[in-house]
C-alpha atoms as a PDB file:
ATOM      1  CA  MET A   1       0.000   0.000   0.000  1.00  0.00           C
ATOM      2  CA  THR A   2       1.434   3.352  -0.998  1.00  0.00           C
ATOM      3  CA  GLN A   3       0.426   6.709   0.393  1.00  0.00           C
ATOM      4  CA  ALA A   4       0.400   9.926  -1.552  1.00  0.00           C
ATOM      5  CA  VAL A   5       2.421  12.677   0.070  1.00  0.00           C
ATOM      6  CA  ALA A   6       0.865  16.103  -0.157  1.00  0.00           C
ATOM      7  CA  PRO A   7       3.221  18.947  -1.063  1.00  0.00           C
ATOM      8  CA  ALA A   8       4.131  21.259   1.800  1.00  0.00           C
ATOM      9  CA  PRO A   9       2.182  24.527   1.741  1.00  0.00           C
ATOM     10  CA  VAL A  10       4.216  27.504   0.632  1.00  0.00           C
ATOM     11  CA  PRO A  11       3.352  30.816   2.339  1.00  0.00           C
ATOM     12  CA  ALA A  12       2.425  33.607  -0.014  1.00  0.00           C
ATOM     13  CA  ALA A  13       4.933  36.424  -0.185  1.00  0.00           C
ATOM     14  CA  ILE A  14       3.620  39.838   0.868  1.00  0.00           C
ATOM     15  CA  PRO A  15       5.165  42.585  -1.242  1.00  0.00           C
ATOM     16  CA  LEU A  16       6.727  45.406   0.765  1.00  0.00           C
ATOM     17  CA  ARG A  17       4.880  47.985  -1.356  1.00  0.00           C
ATOM     18  CA  GLU A  18       1.559  46.638  -0.073  1.00  0.00           C
ATOM     19  CA  LEU A  19       2.724  46.489   3.541  1.00  0.00           C
ATOM     20  CA  ALA A  20       4.463  49.890   3.760  1.00  0.00           C
ATOM     21  CA  PRO A  21       1.348  52.140   3.809  1.00  0.00           C
ATOM     22  CA  TRP A  22      -0.243  50.061   6.561  1.00  0.00           C
ATOM     23  CA  ALA A  23       2.975  50.072   8.593  1.00  0.00           C
ATOM     24  CA  LEU A  24       3.223  53.856   8.217  1.00  0.00           C
ATOM     25  CA  PHE A  25      -0.424  54.286   9.251  1.00  0.00           C
ATOM     26  CA  ALA A  26       0.061  52.057  12.307  1.00  0.00           C
ATOM     27  CA  GLY A  27       3.237  53.940  13.227  1.00  0.00           C
ATOM     28  CA  VAL A  28       1.477  57.317  13.089  1.00  0.00           C
ATOM     29  CA  ILE A  29      -1.409  56.019  15.209  1.00  0.00           C
ATOM     30  CA  LEU A  30       0.988  54.513  17.770  1.00  0.00           C
ATOM     31  CA  LEU A  31       3.014  57.726  17.986  1.00  0.00           C
ATOM     32  CA  ALA A  32      -0.186  59.724  18.523  1.00  0.00           C
ATOM     33  CA  LEU A  33      -1.226  57.354  21.314  1.00  0.00           C
ATOM     34  CA  LEU A  34       2.225  57.549  22.863  1.00  0.00           C
ATOM     35  CA  TYR A  35       1.984  61.345  22.823  1.00  0.00           C
ATOM     36  CA  LEU A  36      -1.478  61.338  24.373  1.00  0.00           C
ATOM     37  CA  VAL A  37      -0.484  58.941  27.139  1.00  0.00           C
ATOM     38  CA  GLY A  38       3.020  60.147  27.825  1.00  0.00           C
ATOM     39  CA  MET A  39       3.552  63.736  26.848  1.00  0.00           C
ATOM     40  CA  ASP A  40       0.196  65.506  26.915  1.00  0.00           C
ATOM     41  CA  GLN A  41       0.247  67.693  29.998  1.00  0.00           C
ATOM     42  CA  GLY A  42       1.044  71.266  30.806  1.00  0.00           C
ATOM     43  CA  ALA A  43       2.514  73.621  28.214  1.00  0.00           C
ATOM     44  CA  THR A  44       2.532  71.117  25.342  1.00  0.00           C
ATOM     45  CA  SER A  45      -1.040  69.985  25.875  1.00  0.00           C
ATOM     46  CA  VAL A  46      -3.183  69.654  22.776  1.00  0.00           C
ATOM     47  CA  VAL A  47      -6.352  69.065  24.782  1.00  0.00           C
ATOM     48  CA  SER A  48      -7.296  71.743  27.302  1.00  0.00           C
ATOM     49  CA  GLY A  49      -8.049  70.789  30.887  1.00  0.00           C
ATOM     50  CA  GLN A  50      -6.994  67.821  32.981  1.00  0.00           C
ATOM     51  CA  MET A  51      -9.513  65.255  31.718  1.00  0.00           C
ATOM     52  CA  LEU A  52      -7.081  63.485  29.376  1.00  0.00           C
ATOM     53  CA  HIS A  53      -4.359  63.454  32.030  1.00  0.00           C
ATOM     54  CA  GLU A  54      -6.670  61.914  34.611  1.00  0.00           C
ATOM     55  CA  PHE A  55      -8.030  59.399  32.096  1.00  0.00           C
ATOM     56  CA  VAL A  56      -4.570  57.992  31.234  1.00  0.00           C
ATOM     57  CA  HIS A  57      -2.996  58.568  34.665  1.00  0.00           C
ATOM     58  CA  ASP A  58      -2.443  54.899  35.566  1.00  0.00           C
ATOM     59  CA  GLY A  59      -1.214  54.116  32.070  1.00  0.00           C
ATOM     60  CA  ARG A  60       1.407  56.832  32.437  1.00  0.00           C
ATOM     61  CA  HIS A  61       2.775  55.203  35.576  1.00  0.00           C
ATOM     62  CA  LEU A  62       2.597  51.743  33.993  1.00  0.00           C
ATOM     63  CA  LEU A  63       4.716  52.938  31.050  1.00  0.00           C
ATOM     64  CA  GLY A  64       7.160  54.778  33.325  1.00  0.00           C
ATOM     65  CA  PHE A  65       6.245  58.374  32.486  1.00  0.00           C
ATOM     66  CA  PRO A  66       6.505  60.795  35.397  1.00  0.00           C
ATOM     67  CA  CYS A  67       3.505  63.015  35.922  1.00  0.00           C
ATOM     68  CA  HIS A  68       3.788  64.449  39.428  1.00  0.00           C
END
């Protein structure tokens, strides 16, 4: 009795030109989130008031940003 061996699946190559815009978009979003969590307070604040600071307060400490 002989068994047929199935060929190993070959992963499809993802062209860099298709991946680059999505990587750039994700990078911009992540940098904006990093700014909002880590840097947005005081003189460089984009959002007025303390609501954003209080909302991300614990996240700031978790990521090691000083805020006091």
